Amino acid sequence: MEFAMEGDYDANWLSGKEFTSDMWNWKAARTNPIGISHDKITVISKQTMAESYKTTLPDGSNLYINRPTDMGVEPYATKRYFKKQQDLMPKYVPQEKLPAGSR
């Protein structure tokens, strides 16, 4: 679910419009085990942003997409493995404490 916050919102992120929105993501392997949605912000801009994804629009202009998470504790941790330890090795491990604050 996505909610317009600022700018000229468009559900099509590649429309060329600039906006900020609030987005709630349900993720089967990441947030479903603890019964929540992940709360993030979506920022679509023609201005360069740190830690953003750069894409090129059909007219040749650049667009930057940034998806920071809201303040608070992440609902899951990303686990990295350097060798096989067992048959099922989950990449995302839900946090024992439910997120607090804006999340």
PDB file of N, CA and C in Angstrom:
ATOM      1  N   MET A   1       0.850  -1.162   0.000  1.00  0.00           N
ATOM      2  CA  MET A   1       0.000   0.000   0.000  1.00  0.00           C
ATOM      3  C   MET A   1       0.900   1.231   0.000  1.00  0.00           C
ATOM      4  N   GLU A   2       0.499   2.216  -0.771  1.00  0.00           N
ATOM      5  CA  GLU A   2       1.316   3.423  -0.879  1.00  0.00           C
ATOM      6  C   GLU A   2       0.416   4.655  -0.715  1.00  0.00           C
ATOM      7  N   PHE A   3       0.886   5.615   0.068  1.00  0.00           N
ATOM      8  CA  PHE A   3       0.126   6.822   0.368  1.00  0.00           C
ATOM      9  C   PHE A   3       0.942   8.048  -0.041  1.00  0.00           C
ATOM     10  N   ALA A   4       0.350   8.930  -0.829  1.00  0.00           N
ATOM     11  CA  ALA A   4       1.031  10.158  -1.249  1.00  0.00           C
ATOM     12  C   ALA A   4       1.317  11.036  -0.044  1.00  0.00           C
ATOM     13  N   MET A   5       2.524  11.642  -0.017  1.00  0.00           N
ATOM     14  CA  MET A   5       2.894  12.547   1.063  1.00  0.00           C
ATOM     15  C   MET A   5       3.189  13.948   0.520  1.00  0.00           C
ATOM     16  N   GLU A   6       4.052  14.030  -0.497  1.00  0.00           N
ATOM     17  CA  GLU A   6       4.458  15.319  -1.072  1.00  0.00           C
ATOM     18  C   GLU A   6       4.640  15.161  -2.572  1.00  0.00           C
ATOM     19  N   GLY A   7       4.507  16.256  -3.299  1.00  0.00           N
ATOM     20  CA  GLY A   7       4.799  16.264  -4.728  1.00  0.00           C
ATOM     21  C   GLY A   7       3.636  15.805  -5.580  1.00  0.00           C
ATOM     22  N   ASP A   8       3.954  15.418  -6.815  1.00  0.00           N
ATOM     23  CA  ASP A   8       2.973  15.034  -7.827  1.00  0.00           C
ATOM     24  C   ASP A   8       2.921  13.506  -7.886  1.00  0.00           C
ATOM     25  N   TYR A   9       2.237  12.891  -6.926  1.00  0.00           N
ATOM     26  CA  TYR A   9       2.234  11.426  -6.802  1.00  0.00           C
ATOM     27  C   TYR A   9       1.712  10.729  -8.050  1.00  0.00           C
ATOM     28  N   ASP A  10       2.364   9.610  -8.384  1.00  0.00           N
ATOM     29  CA  ASP A  10       1.910   8.747  -9.467  1.00  0.00           C
ATOM     30  C   ASP A  10       2.291   7.316  -9.089  1.00  0.00           C
ATOM     31  N   ALA A  11       1.359   6.394  -9.211  1.00  0.00           N
ATOM     32  CA  ALA A  11       1.644   4.992  -8.887  1.00  0.00           C
ATOM     33  C   ALA A  11       2.720   4.411  -9.807  1.00  0.00           C
ATOM     34  N   ASN A  12       2.878   4.996 -10.981  1.00  0.00           N
ATOM     35  CA  ASN A  12       3.932   4.601 -11.911  1.00  0.00           C
ATOM     36  C   ASN A  12       5.202   5.381 -11.551  1.00  0.00           C
ATOM     37  N   TRP A  13       6.133   4.730 -10.898  1.00  0.00           N
ATOM     38  CA  TRP A  13       7.359   5.400 -10.449  1.00  0.00           C
ATOM     39  C   TRP A  13       8.169   5.954 -11.608  1.00  0.00           C
ATOM     40  N   LEU A  14       7.990   5.409 -12.799  1.00  0.00           N
ATOM     41  CA  LEU A  14       8.773   5.852 -13.956  1.00  0.00           C
ATOM     42  C   LEU A  14       8.010   6.851 -14.819  1.00  0.00           C
ATOM     43  N   SER A  15       7.025   7.510 -14.240  1.00  0.00           N
ATOM     44  CA  SER A  15       6.229   8.501 -14.971  1.00  0.00           C
ATOM     45  C   SER A  15       7.005   9.793 -15.214  1.00  0.00           C
ATOM     46  N   GLY A  16       8.101   9.997 -14.473  1.00  0.00           N
ATOM     47  CA  GLY A  16       8.869  11.230 -14.577  1.00  0.00           C
ATOM     48  C   GLY A  16       8.440  12.258 -13.550  1.00  0.00           C
ATOM     49  N   LYS A  17       7.378  11.963 -12.791  1.00  0.00           N
ATOM     50  CA  LYS A  17       6.909  12.879 -11.747  1.00  0.00           C
ATOM     51  C   LYS A  17       7.748  12.687 -10.490  1.00  0.00           C
ATOM     52  N   GLU A  18       7.941  13.764  -9.738  1.00  0.00           N
ATOM     53  CA  GLU A  18       8.718  13.714  -8.502  1.00  0.00           C
ATOM     54  C   GLU A  18       7.763  13.748  -7.308  1.00  0.00           C
ATOM     55  N   PHE A  19       7.992  12.859  -6.349  1.00  0.00           N
ATOM     56  CA  PHE A  19       7.117  12.803  -5.177  1.00  0.00           C
ATOM     57  C   PHE A  19       7.762  11.997  -4.054  1.00  0.00           C
ATOM     58  N   THR A  20       7.130  12.091  -2.886  1.00  0.00           N
ATOM     59  CA  THR A  20       7.482  11.273  -1.722  1.00  0.00           C
ATOM     60  C   THR A  20       6.202  10.594  -1.267  1.00  0.00           C
ATOM     61  N   SER A  21       6.306   9.309  -0.949  1.00  0.00           N
ATOM     62  CA  SER A  21       5.132   8.566  -0.482  1.00  0.00           C
ATOM     63  C   SER A  21       5.522   7.649   0.678  1.00  0.00           C
ATOM     64  N   ASP A  22       4.534   7.255   1.425  1.00  0.00           N
ATOM     65  CA  ASP A  22       4.704   6.292   2.510  1.00  0.00           C
ATOM     66  C   ASP A  22       4.245   4.953   1.961  1.00  0.00           C
ATOM     67  N   MET A  23       5.043   3.898   2.162  1.00  0.00           N
ATOM     68  CA  MET A  23       4.688   2.597   1.609  1.00  0.00           C
ATOM     69  C   MET A  23       4.797   1.521   2.673  1.00  0.00           C
ATOM     70  N   TRP A  24       3.764   0.676   2.732  1.00  0.00           N
ATOM     71  CA  TRP A  24       3.780  -0.473   3.629  1.00  0.00           C
ATOM     72  C   TRP A  24       3.915  -1.715   2.771  1.00  0.00           C
ATOM     73  N   ASN A  25       4.940  -2.522   3.049  1.00  0.00           N
ATOM     74  CA  ASN A  25       5.201  -3.739   2.277  1.00  0.00           C
ATOM     75  C   ASN A  25       4.993  -4.975   3.140  1.00  0.00           C
ATOM     76  N   TRP A  26       4.194  -5.905   2.644  1.00  0.00           N
ATOM     77  CA  TRP A  26       4.095  -7.215   3.261  1.00  0.00           C
ATOM     78  C   TRP A  26       5.083  -8.104   2.509  1.00  0.00           C
ATOM     79  N   LYS A  27       5.975  -8.747   3.231  1.00  0.00           N
ATOM     80  CA  LYS A  27       7.002  -9.579   2.595  1.00  0.00           C
ATOM     81  C   LYS A  27       6.914 -10.988   3.169  1.00  0.00           C
ATOM     82  N   ALA A  28       6.602 -11.954   2.310  1.00  0.00           N
ATOM     83  CA  ALA A  28       6.316 -13.317   2.757  1.00  0.00           C
ATOM     84  C   ALA A  28       7.404 -13.910   3.649  1.00  0.00           C
ATOM     85  N   ALA A  29       8.661 -13.786   3.256  1.00  0.00           N
ATOM     86  CA  ALA A  29       9.741 -14.411   4.024  1.00  0.00           C
ATOM     87  C   ALA A  29      10.319 -13.491   5.092  1.00  0.00           C
ATOM     88  N   ARG A  30      10.028 -12.198   5.019  1.00  0.00           N
ATOM     89  CA  ARG A  30      10.669 -11.257   5.932  1.00  0.00           C
ATOM     90  C   ARG A  30       9.746 -10.800   7.054  1.00  0.00           C
ATOM     91  N   THR A  31       8.538 -10.356   6.717  1.00  0.00           N
ATOM     92  CA  THR A  31       7.677  -9.784   7.750  1.00  0.00           C
ATOM     93  C   THR A  31       6.482 -10.658   8.111  1.00  0.00           C
ATOM     94  N   ASN A  32       6.066 -11.551   7.222  1.00  0.00           N
ATOM     95  CA  ASN A  32       4.923 -12.408   7.528  1.00  0.00           C
ATOM     96  C   ASN A  32       5.144 -13.265   8.777  1.00  0.00           C
ATOM     97  N   PRO A  33       6.347 -13.832   8.998  1.00  0.00           N
ATOM     98  CA  PRO A  33       6.520 -14.668  10.191  1.00  0.00           C
ATOM     99  C   PRO A  33       6.246 -13.945  11.513  1.00  0.00           C
ATOM    100  N   ILE A  34       6.343 -12.607  11.521  1.00  0.00           N
ATOM    101  CA  ILE A  34       6.053 -11.874  12.753  1.00  0.00           C
ATOM    102  C   ILE A  34       4.772 -11.046  12.636  1.00  0.00           C
ATOM    103  N   GLY A  35       4.029 -11.248  11.543  1.00  0.00           N
ATOM    104  CA  GLY A  35       2.704 -10.666  11.405  1.00  0.00           C
ATOM    105  C   GLY A  35       2.639  -9.160  11.224  1.00  0.00           C
ATOM    106  N   ILE A  36       3.593  -8.585  10.501  1.00  0.00           N
ATOM    107  CA  ILE A  36       3.589  -7.139  10.286  1.00  0.00           C
ATOM    108  C   ILE A  36       3.867  -6.816   8.824  1.00  0.00           C
ATOM    109  N   SER A  37       3.776  -5.550   8.477  1.00  0.00           N
ATOM    110  CA  SER A  37       4.225  -5.028   7.184  1.00  0.00           C
ATOM    111  C   SER A  37       5.448  -4.159   7.450  1.00  0.00           C
ATOM    112  N   HIS A  38       6.310  -4.024   6.456  1.00  0.00           N
ATOM    113  CA  HIS A  38       7.511  -3.200   6.579  1.00  0.00           C
ATOM    114  C   HIS A  38       7.164  -1.791   6.129  1.00  0.00           C
ATOM    115  N   ASP A  39       7.405  -0.803   6.973  1.00  0.00           N
ATOM    116  CA  ASP A  39       7.059   0.585   6.688  1.00  0.00           C
ATOM    117  C   ASP A  39       8.270   1.310   6.111  1.00  0.00           C
ATOM    118  N   LYS A  40       8.127   1.810   4.880  1.00  0.00           N
ATOM    119  CA  LYS A  40       9.212   2.514   4.205  1.00  0.00           C
ATOM    120  C   LYS A  40       8.702   3.807   3.582  1.00  0.00           C
ATOM    121  N   ILE A  41       9.616   4.641   3.178  1.00  0.00           N
ATOM    122  CA  ILE A  41       9.312   5.867   2.444  1.00  0.00           C
ATOM    123  C   ILE A  41       9.846   5.658   1.022  1.00  0.00           C
ATOM    124  N   THR A  42       9.103   6.147   0.034  1.00  0.00           N
ATOM    125  CA  THR A  42       9.558   6.111  -1.353  1.00  0.00           C
ATOM    126  C   THR A  42       9.781   7.551  -1.804  1.00  0.00           C
ATOM    127  N   VAL A  43      10.989   7.846  -2.297  1.00  0.00           N
ATOM    128  CA  VAL A  43      11.304   9.179  -2.805  1.00  0.00           C
ATOM    129  C   VAL A  43      11.696   9.031  -4.270  1.00  0.00           C
ATOM    130  N   ILE A  44      10.962   9.679  -5.155  1.00  0.00           N
ATOM    131  CA  ILE A  44      11.247   9.675  -6.585  1.00  0.00           C
ATOM    132  C   ILE A  44      11.673  11.096  -6.950  1.00  0.00           C
ATOM    133  N   SER A  45      12.879  11.253  -7.493  1.00  0.00           N
ATOM    134  CA  SER A  45      13.411  12.586  -7.758  1.00  0.00           C
ATOM    135  C   SER A  45      14.274  12.599  -9.008  1.00  0.00           C
ATOM    136  N   LYS A  46      14.372  13.777  -9.605  1.00  0.00           N
ATOM    137  CA  LYS A  46      15.296  13.975 -10.727  1.00  0.00           C
ATOM    138  C   LYS A  46      16.649  14.454 -10.220  1.00  0.00           C
ATOM    139  N   GLN A  47      16.745  14.691  -8.910  1.00  0.00           N
ATOM    140  CA  GLN A  47      18.000  15.109  -8.272  1.00  0.00           C
ATOM    141  C   GLN A  47      18.715  13.880  -7.715  1.00  0.00           C
ATOM    142  N   THR A  48      20.029  13.857  -7.822  1.00  0.00           N
ATOM    143  CA  THR A  48      20.819  12.758  -7.277  1.00  0.00           C
ATOM    144  C   THR A  48      20.599  12.656  -5.770  1.00  0.00           C
ATOM    145  N   MET A  49      20.438  11.430  -5.281  1.00  0.00           N
ATOM    146  CA  MET A  49      20.288  11.178  -3.847  1.00  0.00           C
ATOM    147  C   MET A  49      21.253  10.068  -3.445  1.00  0.00           C
ATOM    148  N   ALA A  50      21.813  10.185  -2.258  1.00  0.00           N
ATOM    149  CA  ALA A  50      22.686   9.121  -1.738  1.00  0.00           C
ATOM    150  C   ALA A  50      21.881   7.833  -1.607  1.00  0.00           C
ATOM    151  N   GLU A  51      22.511   6.725  -1.872  1.00  0.00           N
ATOM    152  CA  GLU A  51      21.921   5.391  -1.725  1.00  0.00           C
ATOM    153  C   GLU A  51      20.628   5.228  -2.529  1.00  0.00           C
ATOM    154  N   SER A  52      20.584   5.824  -3.715  1.00  0.00           N
ATOM    155  CA  SER A  52      19.396   5.687  -4.553  1.00  0.00           C
ATOM    156  C   SER A  52      19.715   4.853  -5.792  1.00  0.00           C
ATOM    157  N   TYR A  53      18.658   4.342  -6.402  1.00  0.00           N
ATOM    158  CA  TYR A  53      18.760   3.609  -7.656  1.00  0.00           C
ATOM    159  C   TYR A  53      18.562   4.607  -8.785  1.00  0.00           C
ATOM    160  N   LYS A  54      19.470   4.641  -9.733  1.00  0.00           N
ATOM    161  CA  LYS A  54      19.385   5.554 -10.878  1.00  0.00           C
ATOM    162  C   LYS A  54      18.815   4.793 -12.070  1.00  0.00           C
ATOM    163  N   THR A  55      17.851   5.405 -12.726  1.00  0.00           N
ATOM    164  CA  THR A  55      17.290   4.822 -13.938  1.00  0.00           C
ATOM    165  C   THR A  55      17.157   5.916 -14.995  1.00  0.00           C
ATOM    166  N   THR A  56      17.070   5.519 -16.238  1.00  0.00           N
ATOM    167  CA  THR A  56      16.933   6.469 -17.346  1.00  0.00           C
ATOM    168  C   THR A  56      15.529   6.353 -17.922  1.00  0.00           C
ATOM    169  N   LEU A  57      14.869   7.486 -18.051  1.00  0.00           N
ATOM    170  CA  LEU A  57      13.514   7.538 -18.607  1.00  0.00           C
ATOM    171  C   LEU A  57      13.568   7.510 -20.128  1.00  0.00           C
ATOM    172  N   PRO A  58      12.447   7.210 -20.791  1.00  0.00           N
ATOM    173  CA  PRO A  58      12.434   7.162 -22.262  1.00  0.00           C
ATOM    174  C   PRO A  58      12.913   8.443 -22.930  1.00  0.00           C
ATOM    175  N   ASP A  59      12.734   9.607 -22.265  1.00  0.00           N
ATOM    176  CA  ASP A  59      13.185  10.865 -22.869  1.00  0.00           C
ATOM    177  C   ASP A  59      14.683  11.113 -22.665  1.00  0.00           C
ATOM    178  N   GLY A  60      15.387  10.154 -22.010  1.00  0.00           N
ATOM    179  CA  GLY A  60      16.824  10.261 -21.801  1.00  0.00           C
ATOM    180  C   GLY A  60      17.224  10.899 -20.484  1.00  0.00           C
ATOM    181  N   SER A  61      16.267  11.446 -19.739  1.00  0.00           N
ATOM    182  CA  SER A  61      16.597  12.060 -18.446  1.00  0.00           C
ATOM    183  C   SER A  61      16.755  10.989 -17.372  1.00  0.00           C
ATOM    184  N   ASN A  62      17.455  11.347 -16.308  1.00  0.00           N
ATOM    185  CA  ASN A  62      17.673  10.415 -15.209  1.00  0.00           C
ATOM    186  C   ASN A  62      16.636  10.603 -14.118  1.00  0.00           C
ATOM    187  N   LEU A  63      16.331   9.517 -13.448  1.00  0.00           N
ATOM    188  CA  LEU A  63      15.411   9.531 -12.320  1.00  0.00           C
ATOM    189  C   LEU A  63      16.050   8.713 -11.207  1.00  0.00           C
ATOM    190  N   TYR A  64      15.890   9.167  -9.973  1.00  0.00           N
ATOM    191  CA  TYR A  64      16.491   8.498  -8.825  1.00  0.00           C
ATOM    192  C   TYR A  64      15.396   8.025  -7.880  1.00  0.00           C
ATOM    193  N   ILE A  65      15.508   6.793  -7.445  1.00  0.00           N
ATOM    194  CA  ILE A  65      14.540   6.173  -6.554  1.00  0.00           C
ATOM    195  C   ILE A  65      15.252   5.797  -5.263  1.00  0.00           C
ATOM    196  N   ASN A  66      14.732   6.290  -4.148  1.00  0.00           N
ATOM    197  CA  ASN A  66      15.303   5.981  -2.843  1.00  0.00           C
ATOM    198  C   ASN A  66      14.187   5.426  -1.971  1.00  0.00           C
ATOM    199  N   ARG A  67      14.472   4.353  -1.225  1.00  0.00           N
ATOM    200  CA  ARG A  67      13.458   3.707  -0.403  1.00  0.00           C
ATOM    201  C   ARG A  67      13.972   3.485   1.021  1.00  0.00           C
ATOM    202  N   PRO A  68      14.163   4.555   1.781  1.00  0.00           N
ATOM    203  CA  PRO A  68      14.638   4.380   3.152  1.00  0.00           C
ATOM    204  C   PRO A  68      13.545   3.804   4.050  1.00  0.00           C
ATOM    205  N   THR A  69      13.960   3.091   5.087  1.00  0.00           N
ATOM    206  CA  THR A  69      13.000   2.570   6.051  1.00  0.00           C
ATOM    207  C   THR A  69      12.705   3.640   7.090  1.00  0.00           C
ATOM    208  N   ASP A  70      11.545   3.543   7.710  1.00  0.00           N
ATOM    209  CA  ASP A  70      11.180   4.485   8.760  1.00  0.00           C
ATOM    210  C   ASP A  70      12.098   4.280   9.963  1.00  0.00           C
ATOM    211  N   MET A  71      12.053   5.234  10.869  1.00  0.00           N
ATOM    212  CA  MET A  71      12.912   5.189  12.058  1.00  0.00           C
ATOM    213  C   MET A  71      12.520   4.010  12.954  1.00  0.00           C
ATOM    214  N   GLY A  72      13.499   3.478  13.656  1.00  0.00           N
ATOM    215  CA  GLY A  72      13.252   2.378  14.576  1.00  0.00           C
ATOM    216  C   GLY A  72      14.059   1.150  14.206  1.00  0.00           C
ATOM    217  N   VAL A  73      13.805   0.066  14.892  1.00  0.00           N
ATOM    218  CA  VAL A  73      14.536  -1.188  14.709  1.00  0.00           C
ATOM    219  C   VAL A  73      14.004  -1.932  13.488  1.00  0.00           C
ATOM    220  N   GLU A  74      14.904  -2.462  12.676  1.00  0.00           N
ATOM    221  CA  GLU A  74      14.504  -3.267  11.513  1.00  0.00           C
ATOM    222  C   GLU A  74      13.665  -4.456  11.984  1.00  0.00           C
ATOM    223  N   PRO A  75      12.639  -4.858  11.227  1.00  0.00           N
ATOM    224  CA  PRO A  75      11.830  -6.008  11.631  1.00  0.00           C
ATOM    225  C   PRO A  75      12.523  -7.356  11.393  1.00  0.00           C
ATOM    226  N   TYR A  76      13.612  -7.343  10.646  1.00  0.00           N
ATOM    227  CA  TYR A  76      14.347  -8.583  10.368  1.00  0.00           C
ATOM    228  C   TYR A  76      15.824  -8.252  10.158  1.00  0.00           C
ATOM    229  N   ALA A  77      16.645  -9.261  10.311  1.00  0.00           N
ATOM    230  CA  ALA A  77      18.081  -9.116  10.051  1.00  0.00           C
ATOM    231  C   ALA A  77      18.417  -9.936   8.806  1.00  0.00           C
ATOM    232  N   THR A  78      19.390  -9.478   8.053  1.00  0.00           N
ATOM    233  CA  THR A  78      19.860 -10.221   6.886  1.00  0.00           C
ATOM    234  C   THR A  78      21.046 -11.061   7.325  1.00  0.00           C
ATOM    235  N   LYS A  79      20.964 -12.353   7.086  1.00  0.00           N
ATOM    236  CA  LYS A  79      22.022 -13.267   7.507  1.00  0.00           C
ATOM    237  C   LYS A  79      22.825 -13.715   6.290  1.00  0.00           C
ATOM    238  N   ARG A  80      24.133 -13.707   6.414  1.00  0.00           N
ATOM    239  CA  ARG A  80      25.014 -14.137   5.327  1.00  0.00           C
ATOM    240  C   ARG A  80      25.731 -15.416   5.753  1.00  0.00           C
ATOM    241  N   TYR A  81      25.865 -16.329   4.806  1.00  0.00           N
ATOM    242  CA  TYR A  81      26.538 -17.599   5.052  1.00  0.00           C
ATOM    243  C   TYR A  81      27.769 -17.666   4.158  1.00  0.00           C
ATOM    244  N   PHE A  82      28.819 -18.263   4.658  1.00  0.00           N
ATOM    245  CA  PHE A  82      30.046 -18.397   3.872  1.00  0.00           C
ATOM    246  C   PHE A  82      30.298 -19.840   3.438  1.00  0.00           C
ATOM    247  N   LYS A  83      29.501 -20.737   3.985  1.00  0.00           N
ATOM    248  CA  LYS A  83      29.528 -22.127   3.547  1.00  0.00           C
ATOM    249  C   LYS A  83      28.212 -22.769   3.954  1.00  0.00           C
ATOM    250  N   LYS A  84      27.905 -23.902   3.338  1.00  0.00           N
ATOM    251  CA  LYS A  84      26.653 -24.579   3.659  1.00  0.00           C
ATOM    252  C   LYS A  84      26.711 -25.099   5.085  1.00  0.00           C
ATOM    253  N   GLN A  85      25.683 -24.743   5.869  1.00  0.00           N
ATOM    254  CA  GLN A  85      25.619 -25.160   7.262  1.00  0.00           C
ATOM    255  C   GLN A  85      24.479 -26.137   7.512  1.00  0.00           C
ATOM    256  N   GLN A  86      23.436 -26.045   6.691  1.00  0.00           N
ATOM    257  CA  GLN A  86      22.277 -26.931   6.826  1.00  0.00           C
ATOM    258  C   GLN A  86      21.492 -26.863   5.523  1.00  0.00           C
ATOM    259  N   ASP A  87      20.472 -27.719   5.376  1.00  0.00           N
ATOM    260  CA  ASP A  87      19.696 -27.738   4.139  1.00  0.00           C
ATOM    261  C   ASP A  87      18.909 -26.450   3.920  1.00  0.00           C
ATOM    262  N   LEU A  88      18.296 -25.927   4.966  1.00  0.00           N
ATOM    263  CA  LEU A  88      17.522 -24.696   4.862  1.00  0.00           C
ATOM    264  C   LEU A  88      18.292 -23.588   5.562  1.00  0.00           C
ATOM    265  N   MET A  89      18.700 -22.583   4.790  1.00  0.00           N
ATOM    266  CA  MET A  89      19.500 -21.481   5.331  1.00  0.00           C
ATOM    267  C   MET A  89      18.784 -20.170   5.015  1.00  0.00           C
ATOM    268  N   PRO A  90      17.899 -19.709   5.900  1.00  0.00           N
ATOM    269  CA  PRO A  90      17.130 -18.494   5.616  1.00  0.00           C
ATOM    270  C   PRO A  90      18.005 -17.253   5.548  1.00  0.00           C
ATOM    271  N   LYS A  91      17.731 -16.416   4.557  1.00  0.00           N
ATOM    272  CA  LYS A  91      18.487 -15.171   4.408  1.00  0.00           C
ATOM    273  C   LYS A  91      17.974 -14.102   5.371  1.00  0.00           C
ATOM    274  N   TYR A  92      16.667 -14.116   5.650  1.00  0.00           N
ATOM    275  CA  TYR A  92      16.064 -13.104   6.515  1.00  0.00           C
ATOM    276  C   TYR A  92      15.612 -13.752   7.823  1.00  0.00           C
ATOM    277  N   VAL A  93      16.037 -13.182   8.930  1.00  0.00           N
ATOM    278  CA  VAL A  93      15.709 -13.717  10.251  1.00  0.00           C
ATOM    279  C   VAL A  93      14.880 -12.658  10.986  1.00  0.00           C
ATOM    280  N   PRO A  94      13.611 -12.970  11.308  1.00  0.00           N
ATOM    281  CA  PRO A  94      12.790 -11.994  12.023  1.00  0.00           C
ATOM    282  C   PRO A  94      13.403 -11.633  13.374  1.00  0.00           C
ATOM    283  N   GLN A  95      13.279 -10.372  13.749  1.00  0.00           N
ATOM    284  CA  GLN A  95      13.759  -9.928  15.056  1.00  0.00           C
ATOM    285  C   GLN A  95      12.829 -10.481  16.126  1.00  0.00           C
ATOM    286  N   GLU A  96      13.377 -10.746  17.309  1.00  0.00           N
ATOM    287  CA  GLU A  96      12.548 -11.255  18.389  1.00  0.00           C
ATOM    288  C   GLU A  96      11.617 -10.176  18.923  1.00  0.00           C
ATOM    289  N   LYS A  97      12.095  -8.915  18.948  1.00  0.00           N
ATOM    290  CA  LYS A  97      11.277  -7.793  19.405  1.00  0.00           C
ATOM    291  C   LYS A  97      10.558  -7.193  18.213  1.00  0.00           C
ATOM    292  N   LEU A  98       9.271  -6.945  18.350  1.00  0.00           N
ATOM    293  CA  LEU A  98       8.551  -6.282  17.277  1.00  0.00           C
ATOM    294  C   LEU A  98       9.042  -4.859  17.118  1.00  0.00           C
ATOM    295  N   PRO A  99       9.015  -4.344  15.896  1.00  0.00           N
ATOM    296  CA  PRO A  99       9.461  -2.968  15.675  1.00  0.00           C
ATOM    297  C   PRO A  99       8.650  -1.975  16.512  1.00  0.00           C
ATOM    298  N   ALA A 100       9.280  -0.875  16.854  1.00  0.00           N
ATOM    299  CA  ALA A 100       8.614   0.163  17.640  1.00  0.00           C
ATOM    300  C   ALA A 100       8.763   1.501  16.940  1.00  0.00           C
ATOM    301  N   GLY A 101       8.146   2.523  17.478  1.00  0.00           N
ATOM    302  CA  GLY A 101       8.257   3.854  16.901  1.00  0.00           C
ATOM    303  C   GLY A 101       7.487   3.955  15.608  1.00  0.00           C
ATOM    304  N   SER A 102       8.042   4.628  14.633  1.00  0.00           N
ATOM    305  CA  SER A 102       7.366   4.867  13.366  1.00  0.00           C
ATOM    306  C   SER A 102       7.160   3.575  12.575  1.00  0.00           C
ATOM    307  N   ARG A 103       7.957   2.572  12.827  1.00  0.00           N
ATOM    308  CA  ARG A 103       7.814   1.331  12.080  1.00  0.00           C
ATOM    309  C   ARG A 103       6.585   0.601  12.507  1.00  0.00           C
TER     310      ARG A 103
END
